[in-house]
Amino acid sequence: MLYIKAYIGDEILFLIKYLLFILMAIGVAGAIIPIFNFQIWWLRAWTYTRIQLLYLAAILYAVYHAIFGFNELMFLGLIVIVGFCLKDIFAFTVFGRKLTKDADPNSSAPRIKLLAANVLMENDEARGLLTSIKDKDPDLILMVETDEKWRGFMSCLLYTSDAADE
């Protein structure tokens, strides 16, 4: 246990202790909220904070333990956060089950070449993407964060087919 009581008054230690409890409670709530599948954006956002919650819980518990020693409630909060977060993170680790088959590079089966680009609306450098499209010659192009300006930039790629009219 750290010996900081000589440097910090009891009132400050009291505030630190309960601030750590409150932050751990927020972390627990954030870990549990995604299981309810709310459709409200600020509640759904907790789904994407799993790794950050793990770090937060570890830091909060370490600070609490260093200053005040072991506490069952803080430890329980740590376990709850770790359990709920690891449940969601596990599938994306090397230990998770692989869900797709590897492609056989020697296969003669038909293939699709896909190019995905996040262009950012404020970006005006279409030339680089057009060069990449020409070099890669994809069958399908997916673009994210586009607007009318980007539609204009890429209009040279659009074509119509007589077969579509039949």
N, C-alpha and C. Protein backbone atom coordinates (compact mmCIF):
# COMPACT_ATOMS: atom_id res chain seq x y z
N MET A 1 0.84 -1.17 0.00
CA MET A 1 0.00 0.00 0.00
C MET A 1 0.89 1.24 0.00
N LEU A 2 0.54 2.22 -0.81
CA LEU A 2 1.32 3.45 -0.87
C LEU A 2 1.12 4.25 0.41
N TYR A 3 2.17 4.91 0.81
CA TYR A 3 2.10 5.73 2.01
C TYR A 3 1.94 7.19 1.61
N ILE A 4 0.76 7.54 1.17
CA ILE A 4 0.51 8.92 0.74
C ILE A 4 -0.34 9.67 1.75
N LYS A 5 -0.77 8.99 2.81
CA LYS A 5 -1.64 9.64 3.79
C LYS A 5 -0.93 10.81 4.48
N ALA A 6 0.38 10.74 4.56
CA ALA A 6 1.13 11.82 5.18
C ALA A 6 1.12 13.07 4.30
N TYR A 7 0.92 12.89 2.99
CA TYR A 7 0.98 13.99 2.05
C TYR A 7 -0.41 14.52 1.66
N ILE A 8 -1.41 13.67 1.80
CA ILE A 8 -2.77 14.03 1.40
C ILE A 8 -3.68 13.91 2.60
N GLY A 9 -4.54 14.86 2.76
CA GLY A 9 -5.46 14.85 3.90
C GLY A 9 -6.53 13.78 3.75
N ASP A 10 -7.18 13.48 4.87
CA ASP A 10 -8.24 12.46 4.88
C ASP A 10 -9.40 12.82 3.97
N GLU A 11 -9.70 14.12 3.86
CA GLU A 11 -10.82 14.53 3.00
C GLU A 11 -10.52 14.23 1.53
N ILE A 12 -9.30 14.47 1.12
CA ILE A 12 -8.90 14.20 -0.26
C ILE A 12 -8.90 12.70 -0.52
N LEU A 13 -8.41 11.93 0.42
CA LEU A 13 -8.43 10.47 0.28
C LEU A 13 -9.86 9.95 0.17
N PHE A 14 -10.76 10.53 0.94
CA PHE A 14 -12.18 10.15 0.88
C PHE A 14 -12.72 10.42 -0.53
N LEU A 15 -12.41 11.59 -1.08
CA LEU A 15 -12.87 11.94 -2.42
C LEU A 15 -12.27 11.01 -3.48
N ILE A 16 -10.99 10.71 -3.36
CA ILE A 16 -10.33 9.80 -4.30
C ILE A 16 -10.97 8.43 -4.26
N LYS A 17 -11.23 7.94 -3.05
CA LYS A 17 -11.81 6.62 -2.88
C LYS A 17 -13.17 6.52 -3.57
N TYR A 18 -14.02 7.50 -3.35
CA TYR A 18 -15.35 7.43 -3.94
C TYR A 18 -15.36 7.78 -5.42
N LEU A 19 -14.42 8.59 -5.86
CA LEU A 19 -14.29 8.84 -7.29
C LEU A 19 -13.91 7.54 -8.01
N LEU A 20 -12.99 6.77 -7.43
CA LEU A 20 -12.61 5.49 -8.02
C LEU A 20 -13.79 4.52 -8.04
N PHE A 21 -14.60 4.51 -6.97
CA PHE A 21 -15.80 3.67 -6.95
C PHE A 21 -16.79 4.08 -8.04
N ILE A 22 -17.00 5.38 -8.19
CA ILE A 22 -17.95 5.87 -9.20
C ILE A 22 -17.47 5.52 -10.60
N LEU A 23 -16.18 5.73 -10.87
CA LEU A 23 -15.65 5.40 -12.19
C LEU A 23 -15.75 3.90 -12.47
N MET A 24 -15.51 3.07 -11.47
CA MET A 24 -15.64 1.62 -11.65
C MET A 24 -17.10 1.26 -11.91
N ALA A 25 -18.03 1.92 -11.23
CA ALA A 25 -19.46 1.66 -11.46
C ALA A 25 -19.87 2.05 -12.87
N ILE A 26 -19.33 3.16 -13.38
CA ILE A 26 -19.61 3.56 -14.76
C ILE A 26 -19.04 2.51 -15.72
N GLY A 27 -17.85 2.01 -15.42
CA GLY A 27 -17.26 0.95 -16.24
C GLY A 27 -18.10 -0.31 -16.24
N VAL A 28 -18.61 -0.69 -15.09
CA VAL A 28 -19.48 -1.88 -15.00
C VAL A 28 -20.74 -1.66 -15.83
N ALA A 29 -21.35 -0.49 -15.68
CA ALA A 29 -22.55 -0.19 -16.47
C ALA A 29 -22.22 -0.24 -17.96
N GLY A 30 -21.10 0.33 -18.35
CA GLY A 30 -20.69 0.31 -19.75
C GLY A 30 -20.45 -1.09 -20.28
N ALA A 31 -19.97 -1.97 -19.42
CA ALA A 31 -19.73 -3.36 -19.84
C ALA A 31 -21.04 -4.14 -19.98
N ILE A 32 -22.03 -3.78 -19.17
CA ILE A 32 -23.29 -4.53 -19.16
C ILE A 32 -24.30 -4.00 -20.18
N ILE A 33 -24.30 -2.71 -20.44
CA ILE A 33 -25.29 -2.09 -21.33
C ILE A 33 -25.45 -2.80 -22.68
N PRO A 34 -24.36 -3.20 -23.37
CA PRO A 34 -24.54 -3.81 -24.69
C PRO A 34 -25.35 -5.11 -24.71
N ILE A 35 -25.49 -5.80 -23.60
CA ILE A 35 -26.27 -7.05 -23.63
C ILE A 35 -27.76 -6.79 -23.80
N PHE A 36 -28.20 -5.55 -23.57
CA PHE A 36 -29.62 -5.23 -23.68
C PHE A 36 -30.03 -4.79 -25.08
N ASN A 37 -29.07 -4.61 -25.99
CA ASN A 37 -29.33 -4.31 -27.40
C ASN A 37 -30.23 -3.08 -27.57
N PHE A 38 -29.92 -2.01 -26.84
CA PHE A 38 -30.65 -0.75 -27.00
C PHE A 38 -30.38 -0.18 -28.39
N GLN A 39 -31.33 0.54 -28.94
CA GLN A 39 -31.17 1.16 -30.26
C GLN A 39 -30.91 2.66 -30.14
N ILE A 40 -30.46 3.11 -29.00
CA ILE A 40 -30.14 4.51 -28.77
C ILE A 40 -28.63 4.66 -28.94
N TRP A 41 -28.19 5.59 -29.78
CA TRP A 41 -26.79 5.65 -30.19
C TRP A 41 -25.81 5.74 -29.02
N TRP A 42 -26.12 6.57 -28.01
CA TRP A 42 -25.16 6.75 -26.93
C TRP A 42 -25.10 5.54 -26.01
N LEU A 43 -26.10 4.69 -26.06
CA LEU A 43 -26.02 3.42 -25.34
C LEU A 43 -25.32 2.37 -26.20
N ARG A 44 -25.58 2.38 -27.50
CA ARG A 44 -24.93 1.44 -28.41
C ARG A 44 -23.43 1.70 -28.49
N ALA A 45 -23.01 2.92 -28.26
CA ALA A 45 -21.59 3.27 -28.34
C ALA A 45 -20.76 2.46 -27.34
N TRP A 46 -21.35 2.02 -26.25
CA TRP A 46 -20.62 1.22 -25.26
C TRP A 46 -20.16 -0.11 -25.84
N THR A 47 -20.77 -0.56 -26.91
CA THR A 47 -20.38 -1.81 -27.56
C THR A 47 -18.95 -1.72 -28.09
N TYR A 48 -18.51 -0.54 -28.47
CA TYR A 48 -17.22 -0.37 -29.13
C TYR A 48 -16.10 0.04 -28.18
N THR A 49 -16.35 0.01 -26.89
CA THR A 49 -15.34 0.48 -25.94
C THR A 49 -14.76 -0.67 -25.12
N ARG A 50 -14.82 -1.88 -25.62
CA ARG A 50 -14.42 -3.04 -24.82
C ARG A 50 -12.97 -2.98 -24.35
N ILE A 51 -12.05 -2.72 -25.23
CA ILE A 51 -10.64 -2.70 -24.84
C ILE A 51 -10.36 -1.54 -23.89
N GLN A 52 -10.97 -0.39 -24.17
CA GLN A 52 -10.78 0.77 -23.31
C GLN A 52 -11.33 0.48 -21.91
N LEU A 53 -12.47 -0.21 -21.83
CA LEU A 53 -13.03 -0.56 -20.52
C LEU A 53 -12.11 -1.51 -19.76
N LEU A 54 -11.50 -2.44 -20.47
CA LEU A 54 -10.55 -3.34 -19.81
C LEU A 54 -9.39 -2.56 -19.18
N TYR A 55 -8.83 -1.65 -19.95
CA TYR A 55 -7.73 -0.82 -19.42
C TYR A 55 -8.20 0.04 -18.26
N LEU A 56 -9.37 0.66 -18.42
CA LEU A 56 -9.91 1.50 -17.35
C LEU A 56 -10.08 0.70 -16.06
N ALA A 57 -10.66 -0.48 -16.16
CA ALA A 57 -10.88 -1.31 -14.96
C ALA A 57 -9.56 -1.69 -14.32
N ALA A 58 -8.60 -2.08 -15.13
CA ALA A 58 -7.30 -2.48 -14.58
C ALA A 58 -6.61 -1.32 -13.87
N ILE A 59 -6.65 -0.14 -14.50
CA ILE A 59 -6.01 1.03 -13.90
C ILE A 59 -6.73 1.45 -12.62
N LEU A 60 -8.07 1.50 -12.66
CA LEU A 60 -8.83 1.88 -11.47
C LEU A 60 -8.56 0.92 -10.32
N TYR A 61 -8.57 -0.37 -10.62
CA TYR A 61 -8.34 -1.35 -9.56
C TYR A 61 -6.91 -1.22 -9.01
N ALA A 62 -5.93 -1.05 -9.90
CA ALA A 62 -4.54 -0.93 -9.46
C ALA A 62 -4.34 0.30 -8.58
N VAL A 63 -4.93 1.42 -8.97
CA VAL A 63 -4.80 2.65 -8.17
C VAL A 63 -5.48 2.47 -6.83
N TYR A 64 -6.70 1.93 -6.84
CA TYR A 64 -7.42 1.72 -5.59
C TYR A 64 -6.63 0.79 -4.67
N HIS A 65 -6.17 -0.31 -5.23
CA HIS A 65 -5.44 -1.30 -4.43
C HIS A 65 -4.14 -0.72 -3.87
N ALA A 66 -3.46 0.11 -4.68
CA ALA A 66 -2.20 0.71 -4.23
C ALA A 66 -2.43 1.69 -3.08
N ILE A 67 -3.53 2.41 -3.09
CA ILE A 67 -3.77 3.41 -2.06
C ILE A 67 -4.49 2.83 -0.85
N PHE A 68 -5.55 2.05 -1.10
CA PHE A 68 -6.44 1.63 -0.02
C PHE A 68 -6.38 0.14 0.30
N GLY A 69 -5.72 -0.63 -0.52
CA GLY A 69 -5.66 -2.07 -0.28
C GLY A 69 -6.82 -2.79 -0.97
N PHE A 70 -6.95 -4.06 -0.69
CA PHE A 70 -7.97 -4.90 -1.33
C PHE A 70 -9.38 -4.48 -0.90
N ASN A 71 -10.30 -4.50 -1.89
CA ASN A 71 -11.70 -4.22 -1.61
C ASN A 71 -12.53 -5.15 -2.48
N GLU A 72 -13.45 -5.87 -1.85
CA GLU A 72 -14.25 -6.87 -2.57
C GLU A 72 -15.09 -6.26 -3.68
N LEU A 73 -15.66 -5.08 -3.42
CA LEU A 73 -16.53 -4.45 -4.41
C LEU A 73 -15.74 -4.00 -5.64
N MET A 74 -14.58 -3.43 -5.42
CA MET A 74 -13.73 -3.02 -6.56
C MET A 74 -13.26 -4.25 -7.34
N PHE A 75 -12.92 -5.30 -6.64
CA PHE A 75 -12.49 -6.53 -7.30
C PHE A 75 -13.64 -7.14 -8.11
N LEU A 76 -14.85 -7.12 -7.56
CA LEU A 76 -16.02 -7.61 -8.27
C LEU A 76 -16.27 -6.78 -9.53
N GLY A 77 -16.13 -5.47 -9.44
CA GLY A 77 -16.27 -4.61 -10.61
C GLY A 77 -15.26 -4.97 -11.68
N LEU A 78 -14.02 -5.22 -11.27
CA LEU A 78 -12.98 -5.62 -12.21
C LEU A 78 -13.36 -6.93 -12.91
N ILE A 79 -13.82 -7.91 -12.13
CA ILE A 79 -14.18 -9.22 -12.69
C ILE A 79 -15.35 -9.09 -13.67
N VAL A 80 -16.36 -8.29 -13.32
CA VAL A 80 -17.52 -8.11 -14.20
C VAL A 80 -17.09 -7.48 -15.53
N ILE A 81 -16.30 -6.44 -15.45
CA ILE A 81 -15.84 -5.76 -16.67
C ILE A 81 -14.99 -6.70 -17.51
N VAL A 82 -14.04 -7.36 -16.89
CA VAL A 82 -13.18 -8.29 -17.64
C VAL A 82 -14.02 -9.39 -18.28
N GLY A 83 -14.96 -9.95 -17.55
CA GLY A 83 -15.78 -11.03 -18.09
C GLY A 83 -16.61 -10.60 -19.28
N PHE A 84 -17.35 -9.51 -19.14
CA PHE A 84 -18.21 -9.06 -20.24
C PHE A 84 -17.40 -8.59 -21.45
N CYS A 85 -16.30 -7.91 -21.19
CA CYS A 85 -15.51 -7.39 -22.31
C CYS A 85 -14.76 -8.50 -23.04
N LEU A 86 -14.17 -9.42 -22.31
CA LEU A 86 -13.44 -10.51 -22.97
C LEU A 86 -14.37 -11.41 -23.77
N LYS A 87 -15.61 -11.55 -23.32
CA LYS A 87 -16.59 -12.35 -24.05
C LYS A 87 -16.76 -11.80 -25.47
N ASP A 88 -16.76 -10.47 -25.61
CA ASP A 88 -16.93 -9.86 -26.92
C ASP A 88 -15.63 -9.77 -27.71
N ILE A 89 -14.52 -9.63 -27.03
CA ILE A 89 -13.23 -9.46 -27.70
C ILE A 89 -12.66 -10.79 -28.16
N PHE A 90 -12.94 -11.87 -27.45
CA PHE A 90 -12.32 -13.17 -27.69
C PHE A 90 -12.41 -13.61 -29.15
N ALA A 91 -13.57 -13.43 -29.78
CA ALA A 91 -13.77 -13.88 -31.16
C ALA A 91 -12.81 -13.21 -32.14
N PHE A 92 -12.28 -12.05 -31.79
CA PHE A 92 -11.40 -11.32 -32.69
C PHE A 92 -9.91 -11.55 -32.40
N THR A 93 -9.62 -12.48 -31.50
CA THR A 93 -8.24 -12.80 -31.19
C THR A 93 -7.82 -14.05 -31.95
N VAL A 94 -6.55 -14.40 -31.86
CA VAL A 94 -6.06 -15.62 -32.51
C VAL A 94 -6.65 -16.87 -31.86
N PHE A 95 -7.23 -16.72 -30.68
CA PHE A 95 -7.82 -17.86 -29.98
C PHE A 95 -9.27 -18.12 -30.39
N GLY A 96 -9.90 -17.15 -31.03
CA GLY A 96 -11.28 -17.30 -31.48
C GLY A 96 -11.38 -18.25 -32.67
N ARG A 97 -12.56 -18.81 -32.85
CA ARG A 97 -12.80 -19.74 -33.95
C ARG A 97 -12.83 -18.97 -35.27
N LYS A 98 -12.15 -19.50 -36.26
CA LYS A 98 -12.12 -18.88 -37.58
C LYS A 98 -13.46 -19.16 -38.27
N LEU A 99 -14.06 -18.13 -38.86
CA LEU A 99 -15.39 -18.26 -39.45
C LEU A 99 -15.37 -18.38 -40.97
N THR A 100 -14.24 -18.12 -41.59
CA THR A 100 -14.18 -18.20 -43.05
C THR A 100 -13.10 -19.18 -43.48
N LYS A 101 -13.29 -19.72 -44.65
CA LYS A 101 -12.29 -20.64 -45.19
C LYS A 101 -11.22 -19.84 -45.92
N ASP A 102 -10.01 -20.38 -45.92
CA ASP A 102 -8.94 -19.75 -46.69
C ASP A 102 -9.17 -20.01 -48.17
N ALA A 103 -8.83 -19.04 -48.99
CA ALA A 103 -8.92 -19.23 -50.43
C ALA A 103 -7.72 -20.04 -50.89
N ASP A 104 -7.96 -20.92 -51.83
CA ASP A 104 -6.87 -21.72 -52.42
C ASP A 104 -6.26 -20.91 -53.55
N PRO A 105 -5.02 -20.47 -53.40
CA PRO A 105 -4.42 -19.63 -54.45
C PRO A 105 -4.25 -20.36 -55.78
N ASN A 106 -4.29 -21.69 -55.76
CA ASN A 106 -4.11 -22.48 -56.98
C ASN A 106 -5.43 -22.89 -57.61
N SER A 107 -6.53 -22.49 -57.02
CA SER A 107 -7.85 -22.88 -57.51
C SER A 107 -8.15 -22.19 -58.84
N SER A 108 -8.88 -22.90 -59.68
CA SER A 108 -9.29 -22.31 -60.96
C SER A 108 -10.71 -21.76 -60.89
N ALA A 109 -11.29 -21.75 -59.70
CA ALA A 109 -12.64 -21.23 -59.52
C ALA A 109 -12.68 -19.74 -59.82
N PRO A 110 -13.84 -19.25 -60.29
CA PRO A 110 -13.94 -17.81 -60.58
C PRO A 110 -13.68 -16.98 -59.32
N ARG A 111 -13.09 -15.82 -59.51
CA ARG A 111 -12.77 -14.94 -58.39
C ARG A 111 -13.32 -13.55 -58.65
N ILE A 112 -13.52 -12.82 -57.56
CA ILE A 112 -13.93 -11.43 -57.65
C ILE A 112 -12.82 -10.59 -57.04
N LYS A 113 -12.42 -9.54 -57.73
CA LYS A 113 -11.45 -8.61 -57.18
C LYS A 113 -12.23 -7.42 -56.65
N LEU A 114 -12.01 -7.13 -55.37
CA LEU A 114 -12.75 -6.09 -54.67
C LEU A 114 -11.78 -5.00 -54.23
N LEU A 115 -12.17 -3.75 -54.41
CA LEU A 115 -11.38 -2.64 -53.91
C LEU A 115 -12.28 -1.79 -53.03
N ALA A 116 -11.87 -1.57 -51.79
CA ALA A 116 -12.63 -0.74 -50.85
C ALA A 116 -11.79 0.50 -50.55
N ALA A 117 -12.45 1.67 -50.57
CA ALA A 117 -11.73 2.92 -50.35
C ALA A 117 -12.55 3.83 -49.44
N ASN A 118 -11.91 4.33 -48.39
CA ASN A 118 -12.50 5.36 -47.54
C ASN A 118 -11.90 6.67 -48.01
N VAL A 119 -12.67 7.45 -48.75
CA VAL A 119 -12.12 8.61 -49.45
C VAL A 119 -12.15 9.91 -48.65
N LEU A 120 -12.94 9.99 -47.61
CA LEU A 120 -13.13 11.22 -46.85
C LEU A 120 -13.68 12.33 -47.73
N MET A 121 -14.83 12.84 -47.38
CA MET A 121 -15.50 13.84 -48.20
C MET A 121 -14.64 15.07 -48.47
N GLU A 122 -13.87 15.50 -47.48
CA GLU A 122 -13.09 16.73 -47.67
C GLU A 122 -11.86 16.52 -48.56
N ASN A 123 -11.57 15.27 -48.89
CA ASN A 123 -10.44 14.94 -49.75
C ASN A 123 -10.80 15.26 -51.20
N ASP A 124 -9.88 15.93 -51.91
CA ASP A 124 -10.10 16.27 -53.31
C ASP A 124 -9.14 15.53 -54.24
N GLU A 125 -8.37 14.61 -53.72
CA GLU A 125 -7.35 13.92 -54.51
C GLU A 125 -7.89 12.63 -55.12
N ALA A 126 -8.72 12.77 -56.13
CA ALA A 126 -9.31 11.60 -56.78
C ALA A 126 -8.32 10.90 -57.69
N ARG A 127 -7.33 11.61 -58.16
CA ARG A 127 -6.37 11.04 -59.10
C ARG A 127 -5.69 9.79 -58.54
N GLY A 128 -5.30 9.83 -57.26
CA GLY A 128 -4.64 8.68 -56.65
C GLY A 128 -5.54 7.45 -56.62
N LEU A 129 -6.81 7.65 -56.30
CA LEU A 129 -7.74 6.53 -56.28
C LEU A 129 -7.98 6.00 -57.69
N LEU A 130 -8.14 6.89 -58.66
CA LEU A 130 -8.35 6.45 -60.04
C LEU A 130 -7.15 5.67 -60.56
N THR A 131 -5.95 6.09 -60.19
CA THR A 131 -4.74 5.35 -60.57
C THR A 131 -4.74 3.97 -59.94
N SER A 132 -5.10 3.91 -58.66
CA SER A 132 -5.15 2.63 -57.97
C SER A 132 -6.20 1.71 -58.59
N ILE A 133 -7.34 2.26 -58.96
CA ILE A 133 -8.39 1.47 -59.59
C ILE A 133 -7.89 0.92 -60.94
N LYS A 134 -7.20 1.77 -61.69
CA LYS A 134 -6.67 1.33 -62.99
C LYS A 134 -5.63 0.23 -62.79
N ASP A 135 -4.74 0.40 -61.82
CA ASP A 135 -3.68 -0.60 -61.56
C ASP A 135 -4.25 -1.93 -61.06
N LYS A 136 -5.21 -1.87 -60.16
CA LYS A 136 -5.75 -3.09 -59.54
C LYS A 136 -6.81 -3.76 -60.40
N ASP A 137 -7.50 -2.99 -61.24
CA ASP A 137 -8.57 -3.49 -62.11
C ASP A 137 -9.59 -4.35 -61.35
N PRO A 138 -10.24 -3.76 -60.32
CA PRO A 138 -11.18 -4.56 -59.52
C PRO A 138 -12.49 -4.79 -60.27
N ASP A 139 -13.18 -5.87 -59.88
CA ASP A 139 -14.51 -6.16 -60.42
C ASP A 139 -15.56 -5.32 -59.71
N LEU A 140 -15.30 -5.00 -58.44
CA LEU A 140 -16.26 -4.27 -57.62
C LEU A 140 -15.51 -3.23 -56.80
N ILE A 141 -16.04 -2.02 -56.77
CA ILE A 141 -15.43 -0.93 -56.01
C ILE A 141 -16.43 -0.46 -54.96
N LEU A 142 -16.01 -0.45 -53.70
CA LEU A 142 -16.83 0.06 -52.60
C LEU A 142 -16.16 1.32 -52.06
N MET A 143 -16.93 2.38 -51.98
CA MET A 143 -16.37 3.63 -51.48
C MET A 143 -17.20 4.13 -50.30
N VAL A 144 -16.49 4.60 -49.28
CA VAL A 144 -17.12 5.08 -48.06
C VAL A 144 -16.82 6.57 -47.91
N GLU A 145 -17.74 7.30 -47.28
CA GLU A 145 -17.64 8.74 -47.04
C GLU A 145 -17.59 9.52 -48.35
N THR A 146 -18.45 9.15 -49.27
CA THR A 146 -18.52 9.85 -50.54
C THR A 146 -19.64 10.89 -50.51
N ASP A 147 -19.61 11.78 -51.45
CA ASP A 147 -20.67 12.77 -51.63
C ASP A 147 -20.82 13.02 -53.13
N GLU A 148 -21.59 14.01 -53.50
CA GLU A 148 -21.81 14.30 -54.92
C GLU A 148 -20.50 14.65 -55.63
N LYS A 149 -19.62 15.33 -54.93
CA LYS A 149 -18.32 15.68 -55.52
C LYS A 149 -17.58 14.42 -55.93
N TRP A 150 -17.56 13.42 -55.04
CA TRP A 150 -16.87 12.17 -55.35
C TRP A 150 -17.60 11.38 -56.43
N ARG A 151 -18.92 11.51 -56.46
CA ARG A 151 -19.66 10.87 -57.55
C ARG A 151 -19.20 11.44 -58.90
N GLY A 152 -18.99 12.75 -58.91
CA GLY A 152 -18.47 13.39 -60.12
C GLY A 152 -17.07 12.91 -60.47
N PHE A 153 -16.20 12.82 -59.45
CA PHE A 153 -14.83 12.34 -59.68
C PHE A 153 -14.83 10.94 -60.29
N MET A 154 -15.75 10.11 -59.86
CA MET A 154 -15.76 8.71 -60.29
C MET A 154 -16.69 8.46 -61.47
N SER A 155 -17.30 9.50 -62.02
CA SER A 155 -18.26 9.32 -63.11
C SER A 155 -17.62 8.66 -64.33
N CYS A 156 -16.32 8.82 -64.49
CA CYS A 156 -15.65 8.19 -65.62
C CYS A 156 -15.66 6.66 -65.51
N LEU A 157 -15.95 6.15 -64.32
CA LEU A 157 -16.01 4.69 -64.12
C LEU A 157 -17.38 4.12 -64.40
N LEU A 158 -18.40 4.97 -64.41
CA LEU A 158 -19.77 4.50 -64.61
C LEU A 158 -19.99 4.15 -66.06
N TYR A 159 -20.72 3.09 -66.27
CA TYR A 159 -21.06 2.71 -67.63
C TYR A 159 -22.46 2.12 -67.62
N THR A 160 -23.07 2.12 -68.77
CA THR A 160 -24.38 1.49 -68.90
C THR A 160 -24.22 0.30 -69.83
N SER A 161 -25.05 -0.66 -69.62
CA SER A 161 -24.98 -1.87 -70.42
C SER A 161 -26.30 -2.07 -71.15
N ASP A 162 -26.22 -2.45 -72.40
CA ASP A 162 -27.42 -2.77 -73.14
C ASP A 162 -28.11 -3.99 -72.54
N ALA A 163 -27.31 -4.86 -71.92
CA ALA A 163 -27.87 -6.06 -71.30
C ALA A 163 -28.78 -5.70 -70.14
N ALA A 164 -28.52 -4.59 -69.48
CA ALA A 164 -29.36 -4.17 -68.34
C ALA A 164 -30.74 -3.76 -68.81
N ASP A 165 -30.86 -3.32 -70.06
CA ASP A 165 -32.15 -2.90 -70.59
C ASP A 165 -33.02 -4.07 -71.02
N GLU A 166 -32.42 -5.21 -71.22
CA GLU A 166 -33.18 -6.36 -71.73
C GLU A 166 -33.94 -7.07 -70.65
